[in-house]
Amino acid sequence: MVDASCNISDKYDGTFLDCSGFHGVKSLTEESGYSELAGVTMEIFKYLLALLPLEDMRRKMSQSDRLLLFLMKMKIGLIYSALGVLFGIHRTTASRT
């Protein structure tokens, strides 16, 4: 079922995606999500995000999603193919991130 209240649009045809599933940082609604997936608290995540240089608008992923991907790789050790599936990007993009 498609839920328009999710406000996450499909990049290919503009339709709204189902809110169930993983959608990067937008999926982390509780403090425990940050510590379980990224190994940091929400405050530390925001601090690290503030240390990063300004976001390049040409990039496919938001800066917060790129930071989350990096922290998930460090904490959980998922392979790049799995991270690519979770974030909806190619495995080589996950590797470069």
PDB file of N, CA and C in Angstrom:
ATOM      1  N   MET A   1       0.838  -1.181   0.000  1.00  0.00           N
ATOM      2  CA  MET A   1       0.000   0.000   0.000  1.00  0.00           C
ATOM      3  C   MET A   1       0.878   1.236   0.000  1.00  0.00           C
ATOM      4  N   VAL A   2       0.499   2.237  -0.750  1.00  0.00           N
ATOM      5  CA  VAL A   2       1.266   3.469  -0.836  1.00  0.00           C
ATOM      6  C   VAL A   2       0.684   4.487   0.122  1.00  0.00           C
ATOM      7  N   ASP A   3       1.536   5.127   0.928  1.00  0.00           N
ATOM      8  CA  ASP A   3       1.101   6.107   1.907  1.00  0.00           C
ATOM      9  C   ASP A   3       1.688   7.462   1.562  1.00  0.00           C
ATOM     10  N   ALA A   4       0.880   8.390   1.075  1.00  0.00           N
ATOM     11  CA  ALA A   4       1.363   9.704   0.665  1.00  0.00           C
ATOM     12  C   ALA A   4       1.805  10.532   1.861  1.00  0.00           C
ATOM     13  N   SER A   5       1.399  10.197   3.062  1.00  0.00           N
ATOM     14  CA  SER A   5       1.810  10.967   4.232  1.00  0.00           C
ATOM     15  C   SER A   5       3.278  10.752   4.561  1.00  0.00           C
ATOM     16  N   CYS A   6       3.889   9.769   3.950  1.00  0.00           N
ATOM     17  CA  CYS A   6       5.295   9.476   4.204  1.00  0.00           C
ATOM     18  C   CYS A   6       6.196  10.563   3.628  1.00  0.00           C
ATOM     19  N   ASN A   7       5.768  11.201   2.530  1.00  0.00           N
ATOM     20  CA  ASN A   7       6.522  12.262   1.864  1.00  0.00           C
ATOM     21  C   ASN A   7       7.883  11.813   1.370  1.00  0.00           C
ATOM     22  N   ILE A   8       8.011  10.562   1.035  1.00  0.00           N
ATOM     23  CA  ILE A   8       9.223  10.057   0.418  1.00  0.00           C
ATOM     24  C   ILE A   8       8.844   9.648  -0.991  1.00  0.00           C
ATOM     25  N   SER A   9       9.311  10.387  -1.980  1.00  0.00           N
ATOM     26  CA  SER A   9       8.875  10.089  -3.341  1.00  0.00           C
ATOM     27  C   SER A   9       9.885   9.199  -4.047  1.00  0.00           C
ATOM     28  N   ASP A  10       9.378   8.379  -4.933  1.00  0.00           N
ATOM     29  CA  ASP A  10      10.210   7.506  -5.753  1.00  0.00           C
ATOM     30  C   ASP A  10      10.967   8.364  -6.749  1.00  0.00           C
ATOM     31  N   LYS A  11      12.258   8.181  -6.844  1.00  0.00           N
ATOM     32  CA  LYS A  11      13.089   9.020  -7.700  1.00  0.00           C
ATOM     33  C   LYS A  11      12.829   8.805  -9.183  1.00  0.00           C
ATOM     34  N   TYR A  12      12.162   7.715  -9.550  1.00  0.00           N
ATOM     35  CA  TYR A  12      11.988   7.410 -10.961  1.00  0.00           C
ATOM     36  C   TYR A  12      10.669   7.937 -11.526  1.00  0.00           C
ATOM     37  N   ASP A  13       9.574   7.756 -10.799  1.00  0.00           N
ATOM     38  CA  ASP A  13       8.306   8.187 -11.394  1.00  0.00           C
ATOM     39  C   ASP A  13       7.524   9.173 -10.544  1.00  0.00           C
ATOM     40  N   GLY A  14       8.077   9.633  -9.437  1.00  0.00           N
ATOM     41  CA  GLY A  14       7.429  10.642  -8.625  1.00  0.00           C
ATOM     42  C   GLY A  14       6.331  10.131  -7.713  1.00  0.00           C
ATOM     43  N   THR A  15       6.053   8.837  -7.712  1.00  0.00           N
ATOM     44  CA  THR A  15       5.028   8.287  -6.828  1.00  0.00           C
ATOM     45  C   THR A  15       5.603   8.169  -5.425  1.00  0.00           C
ATOM     46  N   PHE A  16       4.731   8.076  -4.457  1.00  0.00           N
ATOM     47  CA  PHE A  16       5.179   7.964  -3.073  1.00  0.00           C
ATOM     48  C   PHE A  16       5.457   6.508  -2.726  1.00  0.00           C
ATOM     49  N   LEU A  17       6.499   6.305  -1.953  1.00  0.00           N
ATOM     50  CA  LEU A  17       6.883   4.961  -1.535  1.00  0.00           C
ATOM     51  C   LEU A  17       6.108   4.551  -0.292  1.00  0.00           C
ATOM     52  N   ASP A  18       6.018   3.274  -0.079  1.00  0.00           N
ATOM     53  CA  ASP A  18       5.428   2.722   1.131  1.00  0.00           C
ATOM     54  C   ASP A  18       6.306   3.145   2.303  1.00  0.00           C
ATOM     55  N   CYS A  19       5.706   3.560   3.390  1.00  0.00           N
ATOM     56  CA  CYS A  19       6.473   4.047   4.543  1.00  0.00           C
ATOM     57  C   CYS A  19       7.171   2.921   5.304  1.00  0.00           C
ATOM     58  N   SER A  20       6.759   1.688   5.103  1.00  0.00           N
ATOM     59  CA  SER A  20       7.442   0.601   5.778  1.00  0.00           C
ATOM     60  C   SER A  20       8.785   0.378   5.097  1.00  0.00           C
ATOM     61  N   GLY A  21       9.738  -0.114   5.843  1.00  0.00           N
ATOM     62  CA  GLY A  21      11.064  -0.339   5.286  1.00  0.00           C
ATOM     63  C   GLY A  21      12.047   0.719   5.767  1.00  0.00           C
ATOM     64  N   PHE A  22      13.227   0.681   5.216  1.00  0.00           N
ATOM     65  CA  PHE A  22      14.306   1.573   5.632  1.00  0.00           C
ATOM     66  C   PHE A  22      14.460   2.707   4.636  1.00  0.00           C
ATOM     67  N   HIS A  23      14.499   3.931   5.124  1.00  0.00           N
ATOM     68  CA  HIS A  23      14.661   5.110   4.279  1.00  0.00           C
ATOM     69  C   HIS A  23      15.762   6.020   4.814  1.00  0.00           C
ATOM     70  N   GLY A  24      16.869   5.432   5.285  1.00  0.00           N
ATOM     71  CA  GLY A  24      17.990   6.217   5.790  1.00  0.00           C
ATOM     72  C   GLY A  24      17.659   6.880   7.114  1.00  0.00           C
ATOM     73  N   VAL A  25      18.194   8.077   7.309  1.00  0.00           N
ATOM     74  CA  VAL A  25      18.019   8.797   8.572  1.00  0.00           C
ATOM     75  C   VAL A  25      16.547   9.059   8.855  1.00  0.00           C
ATOM     76  N   LYS A  26      15.739   9.217   7.817  1.00  0.00           N
ATOM     77  CA  LYS A  26      14.307   9.461   8.002  1.00  0.00           C
ATOM     78  C   LYS A  26      13.631   8.315   8.745  1.00  0.00           C
ATOM     79  N   SER A  27      14.212   7.140   8.716  1.00  0.00           N
ATOM     80  CA  SER A  27      13.648   5.973   9.393  1.00  0.00           C
ATOM     81  C   SER A  27      13.984   5.938  10.876  1.00  0.00           C
ATOM     82  N   LEU A  28      14.956   6.711  11.302  1.00  0.00           N
ATOM     83  CA  LEU A  28      15.388   6.686  12.703  1.00  0.00           C
ATOM     84  C   LEU A  28      14.543   7.673  13.498  1.00  0.00           C
ATOM     85  N   THR A  29      13.523   7.163  14.158  1.00  0.00           N
ATOM     86  CA  THR A  29      12.615   8.023  14.906  1.00  0.00           C
ATOM     87  C   THR A  29      12.902   8.003  16.399  1.00  0.00           C
ATOM     88  N   GLU A  30      13.712   7.079  16.838  1.00  0.00           N
ATOM     89  CA  GLU A  30      14.017   6.961  18.259  1.00  0.00           C
ATOM     90  C   GLU A  30      15.523   7.028  18.478  1.00  0.00           C
ATOM     91  N   GLU A  31      15.902   7.436  19.652  1.00  0.00           N
ATOM     92  CA  GLU A  31      17.313   7.537  20.031  1.00  0.00           C
ATOM     93  C   GLU A  31      18.018   6.194  19.883  1.00  0.00           C
ATOM     94  N   SER A  32      17.333   5.109  20.214  1.00  0.00           N
ATOM     95  CA  SER A  32      17.957   3.782  20.170  1.00  0.00           C
ATOM     96  C   SER A  32      18.360   3.392  18.749  1.00  0.00           C
ATOM     97  N   GLY A  33      17.669   3.906  17.748  1.00  0.00           N
ATOM     98  CA  GLY A  33      18.009   3.583  16.368  1.00  0.00           C
ATOM     99  C   GLY A  33      19.406   4.034  15.999  1.00  0.00           C
ATOM    100  N   TYR A  34      19.801   5.202  16.478  1.00  0.00           N
ATOM    101  CA  TYR A  34      21.141   5.705  16.196  1.00  0.00           C
ATOM    102  C   TYR A  34      22.203   4.821  16.844  1.00  0.00           C
ATOM    103  N   SER A  35      21.984   4.461  18.091  1.00  0.00           N
ATOM    104  CA  SER A  35      23.003   3.652  18.775  1.00  0.00           C
ATOM    105  C   SER A  35      23.055   2.230  18.229  1.00  0.00           C
ATOM    106  N   GLU A  36      21.906   1.677  17.859  1.00  0.00           N
ATOM    107  CA  GLU A  36      21.897   0.303  17.358  1.00  0.00           C
ATOM    108  C   GLU A  36      22.482   0.186  15.954  1.00  0.00           C
ATOM    109  N   LEU A  37      22.191   1.145  15.081  1.00  0.00           N
ATOM    110  CA  LEU A  37      22.683   1.075  13.707  1.00  0.00           C
ATOM    111  C   LEU A  37      24.044   1.734  13.515  1.00  0.00           C
ATOM    112  N   ALA A  38      24.260   2.863  14.189  1.00  0.00           N
ATOM    113  CA  ALA A  38      25.466   3.653  13.929  1.00  0.00           C
ATOM    114  C   ALA A  38      26.459   3.653  15.086  1.00  0.00           C
ATOM    115  N   GLY A  39      26.040   3.210  16.247  1.00  0.00           N
ATOM    116  CA  GLY A  39      26.957   3.160  17.384  1.00  0.00           C
ATOM    117  C   GLY A  39      27.188   4.498  18.059  1.00  0.00           C
ATOM    118  N   VAL A  40      26.339   5.480  17.788  1.00  0.00           N
ATOM    119  CA  VAL A  40      26.459   6.802  18.414  1.00  0.00           C
ATOM    120  C   VAL A  40      25.080   7.253  18.868  1.00  0.00           C
ATOM    121  N   THR A  41      25.049   8.208  19.790  1.00  0.00           N
ATOM    122  CA  THR A  41      23.779   8.791  20.192  1.00  0.00           C
ATOM    123  C   THR A  41      23.336   9.798  19.138  1.00  0.00           C
ATOM    124  N   MET A  42      22.092  10.231  19.229  1.00  0.00           N
ATOM    125  CA  MET A  42      21.585  11.210  18.282  1.00  0.00           C
ATOM    126  C   MET A  42      22.360  12.526  18.406  1.00  0.00           C
ATOM    127  N   GLU A  43      22.747  12.897  19.611  1.00  0.00           N
ATOM    128  CA  GLU A  43      23.511  14.127  19.818  1.00  0.00           C
ATOM    129  C   GLU A  43      24.888  14.038  19.158  1.00  0.00           C
ATOM    130  N   ILE A  44      25.545  12.903  19.311  1.00  0.00           N
ATOM    131  CA  ILE A  44      26.854  12.707  18.686  1.00  0.00           C
ATOM    132  C   ILE A  44      26.709  12.703  17.167  1.00  0.00           C
ATOM    133  N   PHE A  45      25.648  12.088  16.662  1.00  0.00           N
ATOM    134  CA  PHE A  45      25.400  12.073  15.219  1.00  0.00           C
ATOM    135  C   PHE A  45      25.259  13.500  14.702  1.00  0.00           C
ATOM    136  N   LYS A  46      24.468  14.316  15.377  1.00  0.00           N
ATOM    137  CA  LYS A  46      24.288  15.716  14.966  1.00  0.00           C
ATOM    138  C   LYS A  46      25.600  16.489  15.053  1.00  0.00           C
ATOM    139  N   TYR A  47      26.405  16.199  16.071  1.00  0.00           N
ATOM    140  CA  TYR A  47      27.708  16.863  16.210  1.00  0.00           C
ATOM    141  C   TYR A  47      28.622  16.496  15.046  1.00  0.00           C
ATOM    142  N   LEU A  48      28.698  15.206  14.718  1.00  0.00           N
ATOM    143  CA  LEU A  48      29.522  14.765  13.587  1.00  0.00           C
ATOM    144  C   LEU A  48      29.026  15.366  12.274  1.00  0.00           C
ATOM    145  N   LEU A  49      27.731  15.464  12.114  1.00  0.00           N
ATOM    146  CA  LEU A  49      27.145  16.047  10.913  1.00  0.00           C
ATOM    147  C   LEU A  49      27.533  17.518  10.772  1.00  0.00           C
ATOM    148  N   ALA A  50      27.580  18.221  11.893  1.00  0.00           N
ATOM    149  CA  ALA A  50      27.965  19.639  11.870  1.00  0.00           C
ATOM    150  C   ALA A  50      29.444  19.823  11.518  1.00  0.00           C
ATOM    151  N   LEU A  51      30.267  18.821  11.768  1.00  0.00           N
ATOM    152  CA  LEU A  51      31.698  18.908  11.457  1.00  0.00           C
ATOM    153  C   LEU A  51      32.000  18.708   9.976  1.00  0.00           C
ATOM    154  N   LEU A  52      31.061  18.098   9.259  1.00  0.00           N
ATOM    155  CA  LEU A  52      31.279  17.817   7.834  1.00  0.00           C
ATOM    156  C   LEU A  52      31.183  19.105   7.016  1.00  0.00           C
ATOM    157  N   PRO A  53      31.896  19.158   5.888  1.00  0.00           N
ATOM    158  CA  PRO A  53      31.786  20.344   5.024  1.00  0.00           C
ATOM    159  C   PRO A  53      30.376  20.459   4.445  1.00  0.00           C
ATOM    160  N   LEU A  54      30.058  21.622   3.899  1.00  0.00           N
ATOM    161  CA  LEU A  54      28.730  21.849   3.333  1.00  0.00           C
ATOM    162  C   LEU A  54      28.389  20.792   2.297  1.00  0.00           C
ATOM    163  N   GLU A  55      27.105  20.492   2.221  1.00  0.00           N
ATOM    164  CA  GLU A  55      26.622  19.438   1.333  1.00  0.00           C
ATOM    165  C   GLU A  55      26.722  19.858  -0.131  1.00  0.00           C
ATOM    166  N   ASP A  56      27.163  18.922  -0.951  1.00  0.00           N
ATOM    167  CA  ASP A  56      27.221  19.115  -2.398  1.00  0.00           C
ATOM    168  C   ASP A  56      25.871  18.706  -2.970  1.00  0.00           C
ATOM    169  N   MET A  57      25.142  19.639  -3.571  1.00  0.00           N
ATOM    170  CA  MET A  57      23.793  19.377  -4.055  1.00  0.00           C
ATOM    171  C   MET A  57      23.756  18.406  -5.232  1.00  0.00           C
ATOM    172  N   ARG A  58      24.892  18.141  -5.866  1.00  0.00           N
ATOM    173  CA  ARG A  58      24.914  17.200  -6.986  1.00  0.00           C
ATOM    174  C   ARG A  58      24.874  15.756  -6.523  1.00  0.00           C
ATOM    175  N   ARG A  59      25.100  15.522  -5.260  1.00  0.00           N
ATOM    176  CA  ARG A  59      25.127  14.152  -4.747  1.00  0.00           C
ATOM    177  C   ARG A  59      23.723  13.582  -4.650  1.00  0.00           C
ATOM    178  N   LYS A  60      23.640  12.271  -4.841  1.00  0.00           N
ATOM    179  CA  LYS A  60      22.363  11.566  -4.811  1.00  0.00           C
ATOM    180  C   LYS A  60      21.838  11.424  -3.381  1.00  0.00           C
ATOM    181  N   MET A  61      22.746  11.255  -2.446  1.00  0.00           N
ATOM    182  CA  MET A  61      22.365  11.030  -1.049  1.00  0.00           C
ATOM    183  C   MET A  61      22.546  12.298  -0.238  1.00  0.00           C
ATOM    184  N   SER A  62      21.726  12.447   0.784  1.00  0.00           N
ATOM    185  CA  SER A  62      21.899  13.579   1.695  1.00  0.00           C
ATOM    186  C   SER A  62      23.150  13.351   2.537  1.00  0.00           C
ATOM    187  N   GLN A  63      23.641  14.424   3.097  1.00  0.00           N
ATOM    188  CA  GLN A  63      24.836  14.336   3.931  1.00  0.00           C
ATOM    189  C   GLN A  63      24.576  13.467   5.161  1.00  0.00           C
ATOM    190  N   SER A  64      23.381  13.576   5.728  1.00  0.00           N
ATOM    191  CA  SER A  64      23.066  12.772   6.907  1.00  0.00           C
ATOM    192  C   SER A  64      22.998  11.282   6.558  1.00  0.00           C
ATOM    193  N   ASP A  65      22.463  10.948   5.379  1.00  0.00           N
ATOM    194  CA  ASP A  65      22.443   9.543   4.963  1.00  0.00           C
ATOM    195  C   ASP A  65      23.848   9.028   4.680  1.00  0.00           C
ATOM    196  N   ARG A  66      24.715   9.867   4.121  1.00  0.00           N
ATOM    197  CA  ARG A  66      26.095   9.443   3.862  1.00  0.00           C
ATOM    198  C   ARG A  66      26.825   9.174   5.178  1.00  0.00           C
ATOM    199  N   LEU A  67      26.600  10.030   6.174  1.00  0.00           N
ATOM    200  CA  LEU A  67      27.214   9.811   7.489  1.00  0.00           C
ATOM    201  C   LEU A  67      26.664   8.534   8.116  1.00  0.00           C
ATOM    202  N   LEU A  68      25.361   8.323   8.019  1.00  0.00           N
ATOM    203  CA  LEU A  68      24.767   7.105   8.577  1.00  0.00           C
ATOM    204  C   LEU A  68      25.327   5.868   7.893  1.00  0.00           C
ATOM    205  N   LEU A  69      25.456   5.900   6.576  1.00  0.00           N
ATOM    206  CA  LEU A  69      26.026   4.765   5.845  1.00  0.00           C
ATOM    207  C   LEU A  69      27.434   4.464   6.350  1.00  0.00           C
ATOM    208  N   PHE A  70      28.258   5.496   6.477  1.00  0.00           N
ATOM    209  CA  PHE A  70      29.630   5.315   6.968  1.00  0.00           C
ATOM    210  C   PHE A  70      29.640   4.712   8.374  1.00  0.00           C
ATOM    211  N   LEU A  71      28.834   5.251   9.268  1.00  0.00           N
ATOM    212  CA  LEU A  71      28.815   4.749  10.637  1.00  0.00           C
ATOM    213  C   LEU A  71      28.274   3.326  10.721  1.00  0.00           C
ATOM    214  N   MET A  72      27.288   3.010   9.877  1.00  0.00           N
ATOM    215  CA  MET A  72      26.772   1.637   9.847  1.00  0.00           C
ATOM    216  C   MET A  72      27.846   0.671   9.355  1.00  0.00           C
ATOM    217  N   LYS A  73      28.618   1.082   8.365  1.00  0.00           N
ATOM    218  CA  LYS A  73      29.707   0.231   7.861  1.00  0.00           C
ATOM    219  C   LYS A  73      30.721  -0.030   8.971  1.00  0.00           C
ATOM    220  N   MET A  74      31.041   1.007   9.731  1.00  0.00           N
ATOM    221  CA  MET A  74      32.026   0.862  10.805  1.00  0.00           C
ATOM    222  C   MET A  74      31.488  -0.002  11.951  1.00  0.00           C
ATOM    223  N   LYS A  75      30.237   0.197  12.338  1.00  0.00           N
ATOM    224  CA  LYS A  75      29.699  -0.541  13.487  1.00  0.00           C
ATOM    225  C   LYS A  75      29.269  -1.961  13.126  1.00  0.00           C
ATOM    226  N   ILE A  76      28.476  -2.103  12.075  1.00  0.00           N
ATOM    227  CA  ILE A  76      27.885  -3.397  11.756  1.00  0.00           C
ATOM    228  C   ILE A  76      28.747  -4.205  10.799  1.00  0.00           C
ATOM    229  N   GLY A  77      29.478  -3.510   9.930  1.00  0.00           N
ATOM    230  CA  GLY A  77      30.348  -4.207   8.989  1.00  0.00           C
ATOM    231  C   GLY A  77      29.623  -4.834   7.818  1.00  0.00           C
ATOM    232  N   LEU A  78      28.458  -4.285   7.467  1.00  0.00           N
ATOM    233  CA  LEU A  78      27.727  -4.823   6.313  1.00  0.00           C
ATOM    234  C   LEU A  78      28.561  -4.660   5.047  1.00  0.00           C
ATOM    235  N   ILE A  79      28.377  -5.596   4.109  1.00  0.00           N
ATOM    236  CA  ILE A  79      29.076  -5.463   2.835  1.00  0.00           C
ATOM    237  C   ILE A  79      28.414  -4.331   2.038  1.00  0.00           C
ATOM    238  N   TYR A  80      29.156  -3.771   1.079  1.00  0.00           N
ATOM    239  CA  TYR A  80      28.666  -2.624   0.326  1.00  0.00           C
ATOM    240  C   TYR A  80      27.405  -2.939  -0.467  1.00  0.00           C
ATOM    241  N   SER A  81      27.261  -4.161  -0.917  1.00  0.00           N
ATOM    242  CA  SER A  81      26.045  -4.539  -1.637  1.00  0.00           C
ATOM    243  C   SER A  81      24.825  -4.427  -0.731  1.00  0.00           C
ATOM    244  N   ALA A  82      24.944  -4.862   0.514  1.00  0.00           N
ATOM    245  CA  ALA A  82      23.830  -4.785   1.465  1.00  0.00           C
ATOM    246  C   ALA A  82      23.522  -3.332   1.811  1.00  0.00           C
ATOM    247  N   LEU A  83      24.555  -2.531   2.015  1.00  0.00           N
ATOM    248  CA  LEU A  83      24.338  -1.111   2.283  1.00  0.00           C
ATOM    249  C   LEU A  83      23.681  -0.430   1.089  1.00  0.00           C
ATOM    250  N   GLY A  84      24.085  -0.818  -0.108  1.00  0.00           N
ATOM    251  CA  GLY A  84      23.475  -0.265  -1.312  1.00  0.00           C
ATOM    252  C   GLY A  84      21.993  -0.567  -1.385  1.00  0.00           C
ATOM    253  N   VAL A  85      21.615  -1.790  -1.035  1.00  0.00           N
ATOM    254  CA  VAL A  85      20.202  -2.164  -1.046  1.00  0.00           C
ATOM    255  C   VAL A  85      19.438  -1.342  -0.018  1.00  0.00           C
ATOM    256  N   LEU A  86      19.978  -1.206   1.182  1.00  0.00           N
ATOM    257  CA  LEU A  86      19.298  -0.451   2.234  1.00  0.00           C
ATOM    258  C   LEU A  86      19.083   1.007   1.849  1.00  0.00           C
ATOM    259  N   PHE A  87      20.090   1.619   1.250  1.00  0.00           N
ATOM    260  CA  PHE A  87      20.017   3.041   0.931  1.00  0.00           C
ATOM    261  C   PHE A  87      19.521   3.322  -0.491  1.00  0.00           C
ATOM    262  N   GLY A  88      19.275   2.280  -1.264  1.00  0.00           N
ATOM    263  CA  GLY A  88      18.765   2.455  -2.608  1.00  0.00           C
ATOM    264  C   GLY A  88      19.781   3.031  -3.575  1.00  0.00           C
ATOM    265  N   ILE A  89      21.054   2.627  -3.406  1.00  0.00           N
ATOM    266  CA  ILE A  89      22.138   3.094  -4.271  1.00  0.00           C
ATOM    267  C   ILE A  89      22.924   1.884  -4.772  1.00  0.00           C
ATOM    268  N   HIS A  90      23.782   2.104  -5.734  1.00  0.00           N
ATOM    269  CA  HIS A  90      24.620   1.021  -6.248  1.00  0.00           C
ATOM    270  C   HIS A  90      25.718   0.716  -5.229  1.00  0.00           C
ATOM    271  N   ARG A  91      26.197  -0.516  -5.231  1.00  0.00           N
ATOM    272  CA  ARG A  91      27.233  -0.918  -4.261  1.00  0.00           C
ATOM    273  C   ARG A  91      28.509  -0.100  -4.414  1.00  0.00           C
ATOM    274  N   THR A  92      28.848   0.314  -5.634  1.00  0.00           N
ATOM    275  CA  THR A  92      30.063   1.126  -5.807  1.00  0.00           C
ATOM    276  C   THR A  92      29.871   2.527  -5.238  1.00  0.00           C
ATOM    277  N   THR A  93      28.652   3.038  -5.303  1.00  0.00           N
ATOM    278  CA  THR A  93      28.370   4.334  -4.672  1.00  0.00           C
ATOM    279  C   THR A  93      28.499   4.221  -3.153  1.00  0.00           C
ATOM    280  N   ALA A  94      28.015   3.123  -2.606  1.00  0.00           N
ATOM    281  CA  ALA A  94      28.170   2.885  -1.167  1.00  0.00           C
ATOM    282  C   ALA A  94      29.637   2.793  -0.798  1.00  0.00           C
ATOM    283  N   SER A  95      30.428   2.159  -1.627  1.00  0.00           N
ATOM    284  CA  SER A  95      31.862   2.020  -1.376  1.00  0.00           C
ATOM    285  C   SER A  95      32.552   3.380  -1.404  1.00  0.00           C
ATOM    286  N   ARG A  96      32.227   4.194  -2.396  1.00  0.00           N
ATOM    287  CA  ARG A  96      32.849   5.522  -2.495  1.00  0.00           C
ATOM    288  C   ARG A  96      32.438   6.442  -1.356  1.00  0.00           C
ATOM    289  N   THR A  97      31.230   6.245  -0.866  1.00  0.00           N
ATOM    290  CA  THR A  97      30.727   7.085   0.226  1.00  0.00           C
ATOM    291  C   THR A  97      31.510   6.817   1.488  1.00  0.00           C
TER     292      THR A  97
END
